[in-house]
């Protein structure tokens, strides 16, 4: 497959993920949940940052619930603005979230953000390459956040269909440390 532009790849892989059978996706998500929470870095972590899944994204709501059971401190992203990027906000439960920008569940504005670097950051993406580079949704929010937290261990979860040999990259793109497949 020839590599198109990031926006073409984004559209292609979003459409492909949306077309996946829900029952198959659910099975893969369960495997990813156990692969993630049983990961050595996650077991050792005190503070895990986790995006809140939206649409046909890998189900992180179940992951957040499992991390809570394991006694982890959890933070989730809140978009400030395109210019200012995003911040991480600690949550105690899903009830701390309300529909935020882009219709994605996010912490309400009355919960203060934190500046400490999470031990592990779960990074979203539509498509990943063998070197850990990714194409997300195009806002650049995670690349900017990861640049501020270089010592956090970064993990992405991806179905095998979301993997390619090599993606186009920009100088500001930051690769993840590890990609976990079901």
N, C-alpha and C. Protein backbone atom coordinates (compact mmCIF):
# COMPACT_ATOMS: atom_id res chain seq x y z
N UNK A 1 0.85 -1.19 0.00
CA UNK A 1 0.00 0.00 0.00
C UNK A 1 0.88 1.24 0.00
N UNK A 2 0.64 2.13 -0.90
CA UNK A 2 1.45 3.35 -0.92
C UNK A 2 0.96 4.28 0.17
N UNK A 3 1.90 4.97 0.76
CA UNK A 3 1.55 5.85 1.87
C UNK A 3 0.99 7.15 1.33
N UNK A 4 -0.19 7.49 1.73
CA UNK A 4 -0.77 8.77 1.33
C UNK A 4 -0.39 9.83 2.34
N UNK A 5 -1.11 10.92 2.30
CA UNK A 5 -0.88 11.97 3.28
C UNK A 5 -1.45 11.53 4.62
N UNK A 6 -1.06 12.25 5.66
CA UNK A 6 -1.59 11.90 6.99
C UNK A 6 -3.11 11.98 7.00
N UNK A 7 -3.68 13.00 6.35
CA UNK A 7 -5.14 13.13 6.38
C UNK A 7 -5.82 12.00 5.62
N UNK A 8 -5.20 11.54 4.50
CA UNK A 8 -5.77 10.40 3.76
C UNK A 8 -5.69 9.14 4.61
N UNK A 9 -4.55 8.93 5.25
CA UNK A 9 -4.39 7.76 6.10
C UNK A 9 -5.35 7.79 7.28
N UNK A 10 -5.52 8.97 7.85
CA UNK A 10 -6.44 9.14 8.98
C UNK A 10 -7.85 8.71 8.56
N UNK A 11 -8.31 9.21 7.42
CA UNK A 11 -9.66 8.89 6.94
C UNK A 11 -9.80 7.40 6.65
N UNK A 12 -8.79 6.82 5.99
CA UNK A 12 -8.81 5.42 5.63
C UNK A 12 -8.89 4.52 6.86
N UNK A 13 -8.02 4.77 7.85
CA UNK A 13 -7.97 3.89 9.02
C UNK A 13 -9.16 4.12 9.96
N UNK A 14 -9.70 5.33 9.99
CA UNK A 14 -10.90 5.57 10.79
C UNK A 14 -12.07 4.79 10.18
N UNK A 15 -12.21 4.86 8.86
CA UNK A 15 -13.29 4.13 8.18
C UNK A 15 -13.14 2.63 8.40
N UNK A 16 -11.90 2.14 8.30
CA UNK A 16 -11.65 0.72 8.48
C UNK A 16 -12.00 0.27 9.91
N UNK A 17 -11.62 1.08 10.89
CA UNK A 17 -11.93 0.72 12.28
C UNK A 17 -13.44 0.76 12.52
N UNK A 18 -14.10 1.77 11.95
CA UNK A 18 -15.55 1.90 12.11
C UNK A 18 -16.30 0.70 11.53
N UNK A 19 -15.72 0.07 10.50
CA UNK A 19 -16.38 -1.06 9.83
C UNK A 19 -16.14 -2.40 10.52
N UNK A 20 -15.25 -2.42 11.50
CA UNK A 20 -14.97 -3.69 12.20
C UNK A 20 -16.23 -4.18 12.93
N UNK A 21 -16.43 -5.48 12.91
CA UNK A 21 -17.55 -6.08 13.61
C UNK A 21 -17.43 -5.81 15.11
N UNK A 22 -18.51 -5.35 15.72
CA UNK A 22 -18.48 -4.95 17.14
C UNK A 22 -18.08 -6.11 18.06
N UNK A 23 -18.55 -7.31 17.77
CA UNK A 23 -18.23 -8.46 18.62
C UNK A 23 -16.74 -8.81 18.52
N UNK A 24 -16.18 -8.71 17.33
CA UNK A 24 -14.75 -8.96 17.15
C UNK A 24 -13.95 -7.90 17.91
N UNK A 25 -14.36 -6.66 17.74
CA UNK A 25 -13.68 -5.54 18.42
C UNK A 25 -13.72 -5.74 19.93
N UNK A 26 -14.88 -6.17 20.44
CA UNK A 26 -15.04 -6.40 21.88
C UNK A 26 -14.07 -7.47 22.39
N UNK A 27 -13.92 -8.54 21.63
CA UNK A 27 -12.99 -9.61 22.00
C UNK A 27 -11.56 -9.11 22.03
N UNK A 28 -11.18 -8.35 21.00
CA UNK A 28 -9.83 -7.78 20.95
C UNK A 28 -9.62 -6.82 22.12
N UNK A 29 -10.65 -6.01 22.42
CA UNK A 29 -10.53 -5.04 23.51
C UNK A 29 -10.28 -5.73 24.85
N UNK A 30 -10.94 -6.87 25.07
CA UNK A 30 -10.72 -7.62 26.32
C UNK A 30 -9.28 -8.11 26.42
N UNK A 31 -8.73 -8.60 25.29
CA UNK A 31 -7.33 -9.04 25.28
C UNK A 31 -6.41 -7.86 25.55
N UNK A 32 -6.71 -6.72 24.93
CA UNK A 32 -5.87 -5.53 25.12
C UNK A 32 -5.94 -5.05 26.56
N UNK A 33 -7.12 -5.13 27.16
CA UNK A 33 -7.29 -4.74 28.57
C UNK A 33 -6.35 -5.58 29.43
N UNK A 34 -6.38 -6.90 29.27
CA UNK A 34 -5.53 -7.71 30.14
C UNK A 34 -4.05 -7.54 29.79
N UNK A 35 -3.72 -7.42 28.50
CA UNK A 35 -2.32 -7.19 28.12
C UNK A 35 -1.79 -5.88 28.72
N UNK A 36 -2.66 -4.86 28.78
CA UNK A 36 -2.23 -3.57 29.31
C UNK A 36 -2.07 -3.61 30.83
N UNK A 37 -3.12 -4.05 31.54
CA UNK A 37 -3.05 -4.01 33.01
C UNK A 37 -2.06 -5.02 33.58
N UNK A 38 -1.69 -6.04 32.79
CA UNK A 38 -0.70 -7.01 33.25
C UNK A 38 0.72 -6.65 32.80
N UNK A 39 0.85 -5.51 32.12
CA UNK A 39 2.16 -5.07 31.63
C UNK A 39 3.02 -4.66 32.82
N UNK A 40 4.28 -5.07 32.79
CA UNK A 40 5.20 -4.80 33.89
C UNK A 40 5.25 -3.30 34.26
N UNK A 41 5.29 -2.43 33.27
CA UNK A 41 5.37 -0.98 33.55
C UNK A 41 4.09 -0.48 34.22
N UNK A 42 2.95 -1.05 33.84
CA UNK A 42 1.67 -0.65 34.43
C UNK A 42 1.58 -1.18 35.86
N UNK A 43 2.02 -2.42 36.06
CA UNK A 43 2.01 -3.02 37.41
C UNK A 43 2.86 -2.16 38.36
N UNK A 44 4.03 -1.72 37.87
CA UNK A 44 4.94 -0.92 38.71
C UNK A 44 4.46 0.52 38.89
N UNK A 45 3.61 0.98 38.02
CA UNK A 45 3.20 2.39 38.02
C UNK A 45 2.31 2.73 39.20
N UNK A 46 2.47 3.96 39.66
CA UNK A 46 1.55 4.52 40.66
C UNK A 46 0.48 5.35 39.93
N UNK A 47 0.92 6.12 38.93
CA UNK A 47 0.05 7.06 38.23
C UNK A 47 0.03 6.72 36.74
N UNK A 48 -1.17 6.40 36.23
CA UNK A 48 -1.35 6.07 34.82
C UNK A 48 -2.28 7.09 34.19
N UNK A 49 -1.84 7.65 33.07
CA UNK A 49 -2.69 8.56 32.31
C UNK A 49 -3.34 7.76 31.19
N UNK A 50 -4.63 7.95 31.01
CA UNK A 50 -5.39 7.13 30.07
C UNK A 50 -6.38 8.00 29.33
N UNK A 51 -6.39 7.93 28.01
CA UNK A 51 -7.42 8.67 27.27
C UNK A 51 -8.76 7.99 27.47
N UNK A 52 -9.84 8.74 27.27
CA UNK A 52 -11.18 8.18 27.42
C UNK A 52 -11.69 7.85 26.02
N UNK A 53 -11.98 6.57 25.79
CA UNK A 53 -12.35 6.14 24.44
C UNK A 53 -13.63 6.81 23.96
N UNK A 54 -13.68 6.96 22.64
CA UNK A 54 -14.77 7.65 21.97
C UNK A 54 -15.08 6.88 20.70
N UNK A 55 -16.36 6.70 20.40
CA UNK A 55 -16.74 6.02 19.16
C UNK A 55 -16.21 4.60 19.13
N UNK A 56 -15.52 4.25 18.05
CA UNK A 56 -15.03 2.88 17.87
C UNK A 56 -13.60 2.69 18.38
N UNK A 57 -13.12 3.64 19.19
CA UNK A 57 -11.78 3.47 19.76
C UNK A 57 -11.77 2.27 20.70
N UNK A 58 -10.59 1.72 20.91
CA UNK A 58 -10.40 0.63 21.86
C UNK A 58 -10.97 1.07 23.21
N UNK A 59 -11.74 0.21 23.84
CA UNK A 59 -12.49 0.57 25.05
C UNK A 59 -11.56 0.82 26.25
N UNK A 60 -11.31 2.08 26.51
CA UNK A 60 -10.47 2.41 27.67
C UNK A 60 -11.29 2.63 28.94
N UNK A 61 -12.60 2.72 28.82
CA UNK A 61 -13.44 2.88 30.01
C UNK A 61 -13.28 1.65 30.90
N UNK A 62 -13.24 0.46 30.27
CA UNK A 62 -13.01 -0.78 31.02
C UNK A 62 -11.60 -0.79 31.62
N UNK A 63 -10.63 -0.25 30.89
CA UNK A 63 -9.26 -0.18 31.39
C UNK A 63 -9.18 0.73 32.61
N UNK A 64 -9.85 1.88 32.53
CA UNK A 64 -9.86 2.82 33.66
C UNK A 64 -10.47 2.14 34.89
N UNK A 65 -11.56 1.42 34.70
CA UNK A 65 -12.21 0.71 35.82
C UNK A 65 -11.26 -0.31 36.43
N UNK A 66 -10.54 -1.04 35.58
CA UNK A 66 -9.60 -2.06 36.07
C UNK A 66 -8.42 -1.41 36.80
N UNK A 67 -7.93 -0.30 36.28
CA UNK A 67 -6.83 0.43 36.94
C UNK A 67 -7.26 0.92 38.32
N UNK A 68 -8.52 1.35 38.43
CA UNK A 68 -9.06 1.81 39.74
C UNK A 68 -9.02 0.65 40.73
N UNK A 69 -9.49 -0.52 40.27
CA UNK A 69 -9.50 -1.71 41.14
C UNK A 69 -8.09 -2.05 41.62
N UNK A 70 -7.11 -1.79 40.77
CA UNK A 70 -5.71 -2.08 41.10
C UNK A 70 -5.08 -0.99 41.97
N UNK A 71 -5.88 0.03 42.31
CA UNK A 71 -5.39 1.08 43.19
C UNK A 71 -4.48 2.10 42.53
N UNK A 72 -4.53 2.19 41.21
CA UNK A 72 -3.69 3.17 40.50
C UNK A 72 -4.32 4.56 40.58
N UNK A 73 -3.46 5.57 40.61
CA UNK A 73 -3.96 6.94 40.43
C UNK A 73 -4.11 7.13 38.93
N UNK A 74 -5.25 7.69 38.53
CA UNK A 74 -5.56 7.81 37.10
C UNK A 74 -5.79 9.27 36.75
N UNK A 75 -5.20 9.68 35.62
CA UNK A 75 -5.52 10.99 35.09
C UNK A 75 -5.95 10.82 33.64
N UNK A 76 -6.82 11.71 33.21
CA UNK A 76 -7.31 11.69 31.83
C UNK A 76 -7.14 13.08 31.23
N UNK A 77 -7.06 13.16 29.90
CA UNK A 77 -6.82 14.46 29.27
C UNK A 77 -8.04 15.37 29.25
N UNK A 78 -7.74 16.67 29.34
CA UNK A 78 -8.76 17.71 29.13
C UNK A 78 -8.12 18.70 28.15
N UNK A 79 -8.81 18.93 27.05
CA UNK A 79 -8.33 19.88 26.04
C UNK A 79 -8.54 21.30 26.60
N UNK A 80 -7.47 22.09 26.56
CA UNK A 80 -7.60 23.50 26.96
C UNK A 80 -8.03 24.28 25.72
N UNK A 81 -7.18 24.25 24.70
CA UNK A 81 -7.49 24.88 23.41
C UNK A 81 -6.48 24.36 22.40
N UNK A 82 -6.75 24.62 21.14
CA UNK A 82 -5.82 24.19 20.08
C UNK A 82 -4.44 24.80 20.34
N UNK A 83 -4.43 26.04 20.76
CA UNK A 83 -3.15 26.74 20.99
C UNK A 83 -2.45 26.25 22.26
N UNK A 84 -3.23 26.06 23.34
CA UNK A 84 -2.63 25.70 24.63
C UNK A 84 -2.50 24.19 24.85
N UNK A 85 -3.10 23.40 23.98
CA UNK A 85 -2.96 21.95 24.10
C UNK A 85 -3.89 21.33 25.13
N UNK A 86 -3.38 20.32 25.82
CA UNK A 86 -4.21 19.60 26.79
C UNK A 86 -3.45 19.46 28.10
N UNK A 87 -4.22 19.13 29.12
CA UNK A 87 -3.65 18.91 30.45
C UNK A 87 -4.22 17.60 30.97
N UNK A 88 -3.55 17.03 31.97
CA UNK A 88 -4.06 15.81 32.59
C UNK A 88 -4.72 16.15 33.92
N UNK A 89 -5.83 15.49 34.16
CA UNK A 89 -6.65 15.78 35.33
C UNK A 89 -6.91 14.46 36.07
N UNK A 90 -6.66 14.43 37.38
CA UNK A 90 -6.92 13.20 38.13
C UNK A 90 -8.42 12.95 38.27
N UNK A 91 -8.82 11.69 38.13
CA UNK A 91 -10.23 11.34 38.34
C UNK A 91 -10.33 10.20 39.34
N UNK A 92 -11.44 10.18 40.04
CA UNK A 92 -11.73 9.09 40.98
C UNK A 92 -12.65 8.06 40.34
N UNK A 93 -13.53 8.53 39.45
CA UNK A 93 -14.46 7.61 38.78
C UNK A 93 -14.95 8.27 37.49
N UNK A 94 -15.67 7.50 36.70
CA UNK A 94 -16.22 8.00 35.44
C UNK A 94 -17.21 9.13 35.68
N UNK A 95 -17.77 9.22 36.87
CA UNK A 95 -18.74 10.29 37.15
C UNK A 95 -18.07 11.66 37.24
N UNK A 96 -16.73 11.68 37.27
CA UNK A 96 -16.00 12.96 37.22
C UNK A 96 -15.96 13.54 35.81
N UNK A 97 -16.50 12.80 34.83
CA UNK A 97 -16.40 13.21 33.43
C UNK A 97 -17.72 13.73 32.89
N UNK A 98 -17.61 14.72 32.01
CA UNK A 98 -18.77 15.25 31.30
C UNK A 98 -18.37 15.38 29.83
N UNK A 99 -19.36 15.53 28.94
CA UNK A 99 -19.04 15.68 27.52
C UNK A 99 -18.28 16.99 27.32
N UNK A 100 -17.07 16.87 26.80
CA UNK A 100 -16.23 18.04 26.58
C UNK A 100 -16.16 18.39 25.11
N UNK A 101 -15.06 19.03 24.73
CA UNK A 101 -14.83 19.41 23.33
C UNK A 101 -14.88 18.16 22.46
N UNK A 102 -15.41 18.30 21.27
CA UNK A 102 -15.51 17.22 20.28
C UNK A 102 -16.42 16.08 20.75
N UNK A 103 -17.22 16.31 21.82
CA UNK A 103 -18.15 15.29 22.31
C UNK A 103 -17.49 14.17 23.10
N UNK A 104 -16.21 14.34 23.41
CA UNK A 104 -15.46 13.32 24.14
C UNK A 104 -15.62 13.56 25.64
N UNK A 105 -15.80 12.49 26.41
CA UNK A 105 -15.89 12.64 27.86
C UNK A 105 -14.58 13.18 28.41
N UNK A 106 -14.69 14.20 29.23
CA UNK A 106 -13.50 14.85 29.80
C UNK A 106 -13.83 15.30 31.22
N UNK A 107 -12.80 15.52 32.03
CA UNK A 107 -13.04 15.98 33.41
C UNK A 107 -13.70 17.35 33.40
N UNK A 108 -14.61 17.56 34.34
CA UNK A 108 -15.25 18.87 34.43
C UNK A 108 -14.20 19.91 34.82
N UNK A 109 -14.50 21.15 34.49
CA UNK A 109 -13.51 22.22 34.70
C UNK A 109 -13.24 22.54 36.16
N UNK A 110 -14.07 22.03 37.07
CA UNK A 110 -13.83 22.35 38.49
C UNK A 110 -12.80 21.41 39.14
N UNK A 111 -12.30 20.43 38.38
CA UNK A 111 -11.24 19.56 38.92
C UNK A 111 -9.90 20.11 38.43
N UNK A 112 -9.00 20.38 39.36
CA UNK A 112 -7.70 20.97 39.00
C UNK A 112 -6.83 19.96 38.27
N UNK A 113 -6.06 20.46 37.31
CA UNK A 113 -5.14 19.59 36.57
C UNK A 113 -3.88 19.36 37.39
N UNK A 114 -3.06 18.42 36.94
CA UNK A 114 -1.80 18.13 37.62
C UNK A 114 -0.66 18.35 36.64
N UNK A 115 0.50 18.70 37.16
CA UNK A 115 1.65 18.94 36.29
C UNK A 115 2.66 17.80 36.35
N UNK A 116 2.53 16.91 37.34
CA UNK A 116 3.49 15.82 37.46
C UNK A 116 3.41 14.91 36.23
N UNK A 117 4.52 14.27 35.91
CA UNK A 117 4.54 13.33 34.79
C UNK A 117 3.97 11.99 35.24
N UNK A 118 3.01 11.45 34.49
CA UNK A 118 2.51 10.11 34.81
C UNK A 118 3.63 9.09 34.63
N UNK A 119 3.54 7.97 35.34
CA UNK A 119 4.52 6.89 35.16
C UNK A 119 4.33 6.25 33.78
N UNK A 120 3.05 6.06 33.42
CA UNK A 120 2.70 5.46 32.13
C UNK A 120 1.63 6.33 31.48
N UNK A 121 1.78 6.57 30.18
CA UNK A 121 0.77 7.31 29.42
C UNK A 121 0.25 6.39 28.33
N UNK A 122 -1.06 6.14 28.34
CA UNK A 122 -1.70 5.38 27.27
C UNK A 122 -2.05 6.38 26.16
N UNK A 123 -1.47 6.18 24.98
CA UNK A 123 -1.57 7.14 23.89
C UNK A 123 -2.52 6.63 22.81
N UNK A 124 -3.49 7.45 22.38
CA UNK A 124 -4.41 7.01 21.34
C UNK A 124 -3.80 7.15 19.94
N UNK A 125 -4.44 6.53 18.97
CA UNK A 125 -4.01 6.69 17.58
C UNK A 125 -4.88 5.87 16.66
N UNK A 126 -4.89 6.27 15.40
CA UNK A 126 -5.66 5.55 14.38
C UNK A 126 -4.82 4.51 13.66
N UNK A 127 -3.53 4.81 13.50
CA UNK A 127 -2.64 3.90 12.79
C UNK A 127 -1.23 4.09 13.35
N UNK A 128 -0.48 3.00 13.41
CA UNK A 128 0.85 3.01 14.02
C UNK A 128 1.83 2.31 13.09
N UNK A 129 3.12 2.68 13.22
CA UNK A 129 4.12 1.94 12.45
C UNK A 129 5.03 1.16 13.38
N UNK A 130 5.91 0.37 12.78
CA UNK A 130 6.76 -0.55 13.54
C UNK A 130 7.71 0.17 14.49
N UNK A 131 7.95 1.46 14.26
CA UNK A 131 8.87 2.21 15.11
C UNK A 131 8.14 3.03 16.19
N UNK A 132 6.82 2.83 16.29
CA UNK A 132 6.07 3.50 17.35
C UNK A 132 5.53 4.87 16.96
N UNK A 133 5.65 5.26 15.70
CA UNK A 133 5.06 6.52 15.27
C UNK A 133 3.60 6.29 14.99
N UNK A 134 2.81 7.35 15.09
CA UNK A 134 1.37 7.20 15.00
C UNK A 134 0.74 8.36 14.25
N UNK A 135 -0.45 8.10 13.79
CA UNK A 135 -1.30 9.18 13.29
C UNK A 135 -2.52 9.17 14.18
N UNK A 136 -2.77 10.31 14.82
CA UNK A 136 -3.93 10.45 15.69
C UNK A 136 -5.03 11.18 14.93
N UNK A 137 -5.68 12.07 15.63
CA UNK A 137 -6.83 12.75 15.03
C UNK A 137 -6.47 14.11 14.44
N UNK A 138 -5.19 14.46 14.50
CA UNK A 138 -4.75 15.66 13.79
C UNK A 138 -4.62 16.92 14.61
N UNK A 139 -4.90 16.84 15.91
CA UNK A 139 -4.79 18.04 16.73
C UNK A 139 -3.38 18.29 17.27
N UNK A 140 -2.56 17.25 17.26
CA UNK A 140 -1.20 17.37 17.79
C UNK A 140 -1.15 17.48 19.31
N UNK A 141 -2.28 17.22 19.97
CA UNK A 141 -2.35 17.39 21.43
C UNK A 141 -1.39 16.45 22.15
N UNK A 142 -1.38 15.18 21.73
CA UNK A 142 -0.52 14.22 22.43
C UNK A 142 0.95 14.46 22.16
N UNK A 143 1.32 14.78 20.93
CA UNK A 143 2.74 15.04 20.65
C UNK A 143 3.25 16.18 21.52
N UNK A 144 2.45 17.23 21.66
CA UNK A 144 2.88 18.36 22.51
C UNK A 144 2.95 17.96 23.98
N UNK A 145 1.99 17.16 24.44
CA UNK A 145 1.99 16.72 25.83
C UNK A 145 3.18 15.81 26.11
N UNK A 146 3.43 14.86 25.21
CA UNK A 146 4.53 13.91 25.40
C UNK A 146 5.88 14.63 25.42
N UNK A 147 6.00 15.69 24.64
CA UNK A 147 7.25 16.46 24.62
C UNK A 147 7.55 17.05 26.00
N UNK A 148 6.50 17.33 26.77
CA UNK A 148 6.66 17.91 28.12
C UNK A 148 6.92 16.84 29.18
N UNK A 149 6.71 15.58 28.83
CA UNK A 149 6.84 14.48 29.80
C UNK A 149 7.71 13.36 29.22
N UNK A 150 8.98 13.66 28.92
CA UNK A 150 9.84 12.69 28.24
C UNK A 150 10.18 11.45 29.07
N UNK A 151 9.99 11.51 30.39
CA UNK A 151 10.35 10.36 31.22
C UNK A 151 9.19 9.39 31.47
N UNK A 152 7.99 9.75 31.01
CA UNK A 152 6.85 8.84 31.13
C UNK A 152 7.01 7.72 30.11
N UNK A 153 6.63 6.49 30.51
CA UNK A 153 6.65 5.37 29.57
C UNK A 153 5.36 5.41 28.78
N UNK A 154 5.47 5.39 27.45
CA UNK A 154 4.28 5.54 26.61
C UNK A 154 3.92 4.22 25.93
N UNK A 155 2.64 3.90 26.01
CA UNK A 155 2.12 2.67 25.43
C UNK A 155 0.92 3.03 24.57
N UNK A 156 0.81 2.38 23.41
CA UNK A 156 -0.38 2.50 22.58
C UNK A 156 -0.99 1.11 22.44
N UNK A 157 -2.29 1.07 22.31
CA UNK A 157 -3.00 -0.19 22.05
C UNK A 157 -3.48 -0.13 20.61
N UNK A 158 -3.28 -1.20 19.87
CA UNK A 158 -3.69 -1.18 18.47
C UNK A 158 -4.09 -2.57 17.99
N UNK A 159 -5.17 -2.60 17.22
CA UNK A 159 -5.52 -3.83 16.53
C UNK A 159 -4.45 -4.05 15.45
N UNK A 160 -4.24 -5.30 15.06
CA UNK A 160 -3.23 -5.58 14.01
C UNK A 160 -3.55 -4.82 12.72
N UNK A 161 -4.84 -4.60 12.45
CA UNK A 161 -5.25 -3.86 11.25
C UNK A 161 -4.80 -2.39 11.29
N UNK A 162 -4.41 -1.91 12.46
CA UNK A 162 -3.98 -0.53 12.61
C UNK A 162 -2.46 -0.38 12.50
N UNK A 163 -1.79 -1.44 12.11
CA UNK A 163 -0.33 -1.42 12.03
C UNK A 163 0.13 -1.37 10.57
N UNK A 164 1.11 -0.53 10.30
CA UNK A 164 1.74 -0.47 8.98
C UNK A 164 3.26 -0.48 9.16
N UNK A 165 3.97 -0.66 8.08
CA UNK A 165 5.44 -0.72 8.15
C UNK A 165 6.02 0.63 8.57
N UNK A 166 5.64 1.70 7.85
CA UNK A 166 6.20 3.02 8.14
C UNK A 166 5.22 4.12 7.77
N UNK A 167 5.09 5.11 8.65
CA UNK A 167 4.20 6.25 8.42
C UNK A 167 5.01 7.49 8.05
N UNK A 168 4.36 8.43 7.35
CA UNK A 168 5.02 9.72 7.14
C UNK A 168 5.16 10.41 8.49
N UNK A 169 6.24 11.15 8.71
CA UNK A 169 6.44 11.83 10.00
C UNK A 169 6.88 13.27 9.83
N UNK A 170 6.56 14.01 10.86
CA UNK A 170 6.98 15.42 10.94
C UNK A 170 8.01 15.51 12.06
N UNK A 171 8.80 16.59 12.08
CA UNK A 171 9.83 16.74 13.12
C UNK A 171 9.26 16.71 14.55
N UNK A 172 8.01 17.16 14.72
CA UNK A 172 7.41 17.24 16.07
C UNK A 172 6.75 15.94 16.50
N UNK A 173 6.65 14.94 15.61
CA UNK A 173 6.02 13.67 15.97
C UNK A 173 6.88 12.93 16.99
N UNK A 174 6.24 12.36 17.98
CA UNK A 174 6.95 11.61 19.02
C UNK A 174 6.45 10.17 19.00
N UNK A 175 7.37 9.22 18.93
CA UNK A 175 6.98 7.81 18.90
C UNK A 175 6.65 7.34 20.31
N UNK A 176 5.83 6.29 20.37
CA UNK A 176 5.53 5.68 21.67
C UNK A 176 6.60 4.62 21.95
N UNK A 177 6.80 4.32 23.23
CA UNK A 177 7.79 3.33 23.63
C UNK A 177 7.40 1.92 23.22
N UNK A 178 6.10 1.65 23.22
CA UNK A 178 5.65 0.28 22.96
C UNK A 178 4.22 0.28 22.44
N UNK A 179 3.95 -0.66 21.54
CA UNK A 179 2.59 -0.85 21.02
C UNK A 179 2.16 -2.27 21.40
N UNK A 180 0.99 -2.37 22.01
CA UNK A 180 0.45 -3.67 22.42
C UNK A 180 -0.68 -4.03 21.46
N UNK A 181 -0.61 -5.24 20.89
CA UNK A 181 -1.67 -5.75 20.03
C UNK A 181 -2.43 -6.85 20.80
N UNK A 182 -3.66 -7.15 20.37
CA UNK A 182 -4.41 -8.21 21.07
C UNK A 182 -3.76 -9.56 20.90
